Protein backbone atom coordinates (compact mmCIF):
# COMPACT_ATOMS: atom_id res chain seq x y z
CA MET A 1 6.23 -5.29 -13.45
CA SER A 2 8.83 -3.01 -12.71
CA ALA A 3 9.31 -1.58 -9.72
CA VAL A 4 8.73 2.27 -8.76
CA LYS A 5 12.41 3.76 -8.08
CA LEU A 6 12.89 6.59 -5.59
CA GLU A 7 15.32 9.39 -6.74
CA PRO A 8 17.67 10.59 -3.51
CA ALA A 9 16.11 14.05 -2.80
CA SER A 10 12.65 12.07 -2.76
CA VAL A 11 14.05 10.03 -0.37
CA VAL A 12 14.99 12.84 1.66
CA VAL A 13 11.60 14.98 1.44
CA VAL A 14 9.72 11.80 1.93
CA PHE A 15 12.32 11.14 5.42
CA ASN A 16 12.03 15.05 6.59
CA ALA A 17 8.55 14.66 5.85
CA LEU A 18 7.81 12.08 8.13
CA LEU A 19 10.19 13.73 10.77
CA VAL A 20 7.98 17.02 10.67
CA ALA A 21 4.35 15.28 11.29
CA VAL A 22 6.52 13.04 14.93
CA ALA A 23 7.67 15.88 15.70
CA LEU A 24 4.43 17.92 16.03
CA ILE A 25 2.39 14.71 16.71
CA ILE A 26 5.19 14.15 19.63
CA THR A 27 4.65 17.74 20.76
CA GLY A 28 1.22 18.50 20.53
CA ARG A 29 1.00 15.09 23.00
CA TRP A 30 3.05 15.75 25.23
CA LEU A 31 1.20 19.64 25.97
CA ALA A 32 -1.74 18.02 25.85
CA ARG A 33 -0.35 15.59 29.04
CA GLY A 34 -1.84 15.25 32.35
CA GLU A 35 -5.35 17.25 33.70
CA LEU A 36 -6.39 19.98 31.30
CA SER A 37 -7.97 22.91 33.19
CA VAL A 38 -10.14 25.95 32.78
CA MET A 39 -9.93 28.18 35.84
CA SER A 40 -5.97 27.05 36.37
CA PRO A 41 -4.24 25.44 33.47
CA GLY A 42 -0.98 24.60 33.57
CA LYS A 43 2.34 26.28 31.71
CA ARG A 44 1.98 23.66 29.04
CA GLN A 45 -1.86 23.99 28.52
CA ASN A 46 -0.90 27.85 28.35
CA VAL A 47 1.69 27.19 25.29
CA GLY A 48 -0.83 24.40 23.47
CA GLU A 49 -3.60 27.56 23.90
CA TYR A 50 -1.58 30.45 22.96
CA VAL A 51 -0.65 28.61 19.77
CA LEU A 52 -4.10 27.58 18.53
CA GLN A 53 -5.89 30.88 19.64
CA PHE A 54 -5.26 32.56 16.41
CA PHE A 55 -6.51 29.32 14.67
CA VAL A 56 -9.51 29.27 16.75
CA GLY A 57 -10.17 32.97 16.13
CA LYS A 58 -10.32 32.24 12.78
CA SER A 59 -12.51 29.29 13.10
CA ARG A 60 -15.03 31.31 15.25
CA GLU A 61 -15.59 33.75 12.00
CA MET A 62 -17.02 31.02 10.28
CA ALA A 63 -18.91 29.87 12.71
CA HIS A 64 -22.57 30.36 12.83
CA GLY A 65 -25.72 29.00 13.78
CA GLU A 66 -26.86 25.51 15.00
CA LYS A 67 -23.54 24.04 13.61
CA HIS A 68 -21.14 26.65 15.65
CA ASP A 69 -19.37 24.17 17.77
CA ARG A 70 -19.51 21.42 15.46
CA THR A 71 -17.59 23.86 12.52
CA MET A 72 -15.16 25.64 15.13
CA ARG A 73 -14.12 21.65 15.94
CA LEU A 74 -13.27 21.01 12.20
CA VAL A 75 -12.53 24.38 10.96
CA ALA A 76 -9.64 25.70 14.16
CA PRO A 77 -7.78 21.48 13.91
CA LEU A 78 -7.48 21.90 10.13
CA LEU A 79 -5.63 24.96 9.65
CA ALA A 80 -3.34 24.58 12.54
CA THR A 81 -2.41 21.47 11.23
CA LEU A 82 -1.24 22.84 7.67
CA PHE A 83 0.29 25.70 9.07
CA LEU A 84 2.42 23.77 11.94
CA PHE A 85 3.68 21.25 9.59
CA ILE A 86 4.63 24.20 6.58
CA ILE A 87 5.98 26.33 9.28
CA VAL A 88 8.17 23.13 10.62
CA SER A 89 8.74 22.10 7.08
CA ASN A 90 10.06 25.52 6.04
CA LEU A 91 12.93 25.99 8.99
CA PHE A 92 13.91 22.37 8.22
CA GLY A 93 16.32 24.97 5.51
CA MET A 94 18.11 26.02 8.61
CA LEU A 95 19.12 23.29 10.63
CA PRO A 96 23.31 22.73 10.24
CA ILE A 97 22.60 19.04 9.16
CA PRO A 98 23.99 18.43 5.20
CA ILE A 99 20.51 15.81 4.92
CA LEU A 100 18.02 17.35 7.37
CA ASN A 101 18.15 20.49 5.58
CA ARG A 102 16.40 19.80 2.75
CA PRO A 103 12.52 21.73 3.93
CA PRO A 104 10.12 19.03 2.33
CA THR A 105 8.21 21.97 0.63
CA SER A 106 10.79 22.70 -1.24
CA HIS A 107 9.89 19.59 -3.01
CA PHE A 108 6.51 20.11 -5.35
CA SER A 109 4.97 16.59 -4.40
CA VAL A 110 4.61 17.97 -0.87
CA THR A 111 3.32 21.27 -1.36
CA PHE A 112 0.91 19.90 -3.90
CA ALA A 113 -0.73 17.39 -2.01
CA LEU A 114 -0.55 20.05 0.93
CA ALA A 115 -2.80 21.97 -1.37
CA LEU A 116 -4.91 18.93 -2.06
CA VAL A 117 -5.48 18.47 1.31
CA ALA A 118 -6.22 21.80 1.40
CA VAL A 119 -8.98 22.03 -0.81
CA VAL A 120 -10.31 18.45 -0.42
CA GLY A 121 -10.56 19.52 3.38
CA THR A 122 -12.74 22.18 2.93
CA LEU A 123 -14.98 20.12 0.15
CA VAL A 124 -15.11 17.47 3.25
CA VAL A 125 -16.07 20.11 5.59
CA SER A 126 -18.02 22.00 3.87
CA SER A 127 -20.61 18.42 3.69
CA ALA A 128 -20.57 17.70 7.40
CA ILE A 129 -21.43 21.42 8.19
CA LYS A 130 -24.29 22.15 4.85
CA GLY A 131 -24.84 18.67 3.44
CA GLY A 132 -23.04 16.87 0.29
CA GLY A 133 -25.85 18.44 -1.59
CA LYS A 134 -25.67 22.02 -1.07
CA THR A 135 -21.85 21.45 -1.21
CA VAL A 136 -22.01 20.05 -4.66
CA LYS A 137 -24.38 22.52 -5.61
CA HIS A 138 -21.79 25.39 -4.74
CA LEU A 139 -19.46 23.15 -6.98
CA PHE A 140 -21.81 24.20 -10.17
CA TRP A 141 -23.89 26.94 -9.11
CA PRO A 142 -24.02 30.01 -10.00
CA ASN A 143 -21.10 29.52 -12.18
CA PRO A 144 -21.57 25.86 -13.52
CA LEU A 145 -17.45 26.08 -13.91
CA GLN A 146 -17.28 26.97 -10.58
CA TRP A 147 -15.33 23.66 -10.24
CA VAL A 148 -12.65 24.75 -12.29
CA SER A 149 -11.47 26.85 -9.59
CA GLU A 150 -10.88 24.05 -7.21
CA ILE A 151 -8.59 22.40 -9.18
CA THR A 152 -6.71 26.45 -9.54
CA ASP A 153 -6.72 26.88 -6.12
CA VAL A 154 -4.57 23.00 -6.26
CA LEU A 155 -1.94 24.63 -8.14
CA SER A 156 -2.36 28.26 -7.37
CA LEU A 157 -1.57 27.21 -3.35
CA SER A 158 1.32 24.40 -4.31
CA LEU A 159 3.28 26.61 -6.71
CA ARG A 160 3.07 29.32 -4.54
CA LEU A 161 5.00 27.74 -1.78
CA PHE A 162 6.72 25.41 -3.73
CA GLY A 163 8.42 28.50 -5.71
CA ASN A 164 8.96 30.53 -2.75
CA ILE A 165 10.60 27.97 -0.20
CA ALA A 166 12.54 26.58 -2.83
CA GLY A 167 14.02 29.05 -4.57
CA GLU A 168 15.20 30.06 -0.91
CA TYR A 169 17.04 26.61 -0.35
CA MET A 170 18.68 26.65 -3.72
CA THR A 171 20.02 30.58 -3.19
CA LEU A 172 21.46 28.86 -0.03
CA ALA A 173 22.82 25.70 -1.66
CA LEU A 174 24.63 27.80 -4.39
CA VAL A 175 25.65 30.72 -1.90
CA LEU A 176 27.27 28.05 0.13
CA LEU A 177 29.22 26.52 -2.50
CA VAL A 178 30.78 30.01 -2.93
CA VAL A 179 31.61 31.14 0.55
CA PRO A 180 30.59 28.44 3.52
CA ILE A 181 31.30 30.99 6.27
CA GLY A 182 29.14 33.61 7.02
CA ILE A 183 27.02 35.01 4.56
CA PRO A 184 24.88 31.98 4.88
CA LEU A 185 23.96 32.83 8.77
CA ILE A 186 22.78 36.16 7.24
CA LEU A 187 20.63 33.80 4.61
CA HIS A 188 19.09 32.25 7.27
CA ALA A 189 17.94 34.60 9.50
CA ILE A 190 16.43 36.52 6.17
CA GLY A 191 15.26 33.18 5.56
CA LEU A 192 13.26 33.65 9.09
CA ILE A 193 10.84 35.91 7.64
CA PRO A 194 9.92 33.86 4.07
CA ALA A 195 9.12 30.56 5.91
CA PHE A 196 6.75 32.33 8.52
CA VAL A 197 5.08 34.47 5.77
CA GLN A 198 4.74 31.43 3.48
CA ALA A 199 2.85 29.45 5.88
CA LEU A 200 0.32 31.81 6.81
CA VAL A 201 -0.88 32.96 3.63
CA PHE A 202 -1.39 29.60 2.60
CA THR A 203 -3.15 29.05 5.55
CA LEU A 204 -5.47 31.84 5.40
CA LEU A 205 -6.14 31.34 1.75
CA THR A 206 -7.46 28.28 3.04
CA ALA A 207 -9.46 29.39 5.48
CA SER A 208 -10.37 31.99 3.01
CA PHE A 209 -11.77 29.27 0.46
CA LEU A 210 -13.71 27.20 4.00
CA ALA A 211 -15.23 31.00 4.54
CA ASN A 212 -16.29 31.20 0.66
CA ALA A 213 -17.56 27.15 0.99
CA LEU A 214 -19.13 28.02 4.74
CA HIS A 215 -20.79 30.64 3.51
CA GLU A 216 -24.67 30.37 4.25
CA GLU A 217 -26.99 33.11 0.80
CA GLU A 218 -29.56 34.58 2.50
CA PRO A 219 -32.71 33.63 0.81
CA LYS A 220 -34.52 36.98 -1.17
CA ALA A 221 -37.24 36.92 0.64
CA LYS A 222 -35.34 37.33 3.82
CA ARG A 223 -33.30 39.65 2.60
CA GLU A 224 -35.94 42.07 1.73
CA LYS A 225 -37.47 41.56 4.33
CA ARG A 226 -34.99 42.64 6.15
CA SER A 227 -34.33 45.07 3.93
CA LYS A 228 -37.25 47.03 4.19
CA ARG A 229 -37.53 46.93 7.97
CA ARG A 230 -34.16 48.59 8.64
CA GLU A 231 -35.32 51.26 6.27
CA ARG A 232 -38.97 51.89 8.40
CA ALA A 233 -36.31 51.72 11.49
CA GLY A 234 -34.21 54.75 8.98
CA ALA A 235 -37.69 56.84 8.60
CA THR A 236 -38.95 56.99 12.26
CA PRO A 237 -37.74 60.21 13.71
CA PRO A 238 -35.83 60.55 16.33
CA ALA A 239 -37.17 61.30 20.15
CA VAL A 240 -38.38 65.00 21.23
CA THR A 241 -36.49 65.44 24.99
CA ASP A 242 -36.94 68.34 26.88
């Protein structure tokens, strides 16, 4: 049985991906170090809350009913982890170090793994909130081929992120071969925009998948009853005041 051989580029990508993960873990532990206070938060706590505020807001939009708190505890960390990992990985291409300047997200295996985490994570969160039975039903009802969309979601997420970051990385690498000074700095500055936008798009699409998976279809009888109540309320003449 032959051993698996990794290409040099693959080794660099895996190393950089691990480096991103370690950097995020160390930063997170540093921000959460010490006592957390609601009344008088420290500077580190303020920074952490500011970063997580957007993801908490997105998870709050999906949280309804009795499992409101549990939904927020599951959704917010997933969205924050995906966004922070992707944006830090994208920014690796701007480092002036030959080996570390290869963004992990410029390799399709990394973007494919991230897309799998997003889609499978959506199903896991749905199972934890709604139950396994309703999650399986969501894959086959009302469209028996609904599960196919989960596969296309993985491909869509991975190819979109890979295409944009890999294309930018290859463009910068070619420019560096021709003009090593001056123009690459401009491309680095411009590259900040797609680095942020692609991480945000990936996260928002994942949030959309989560919202769709966690959506509870209202029973027909309850929906008709609510509609009639609104019609009666609309038909009631306004009160006359002197």
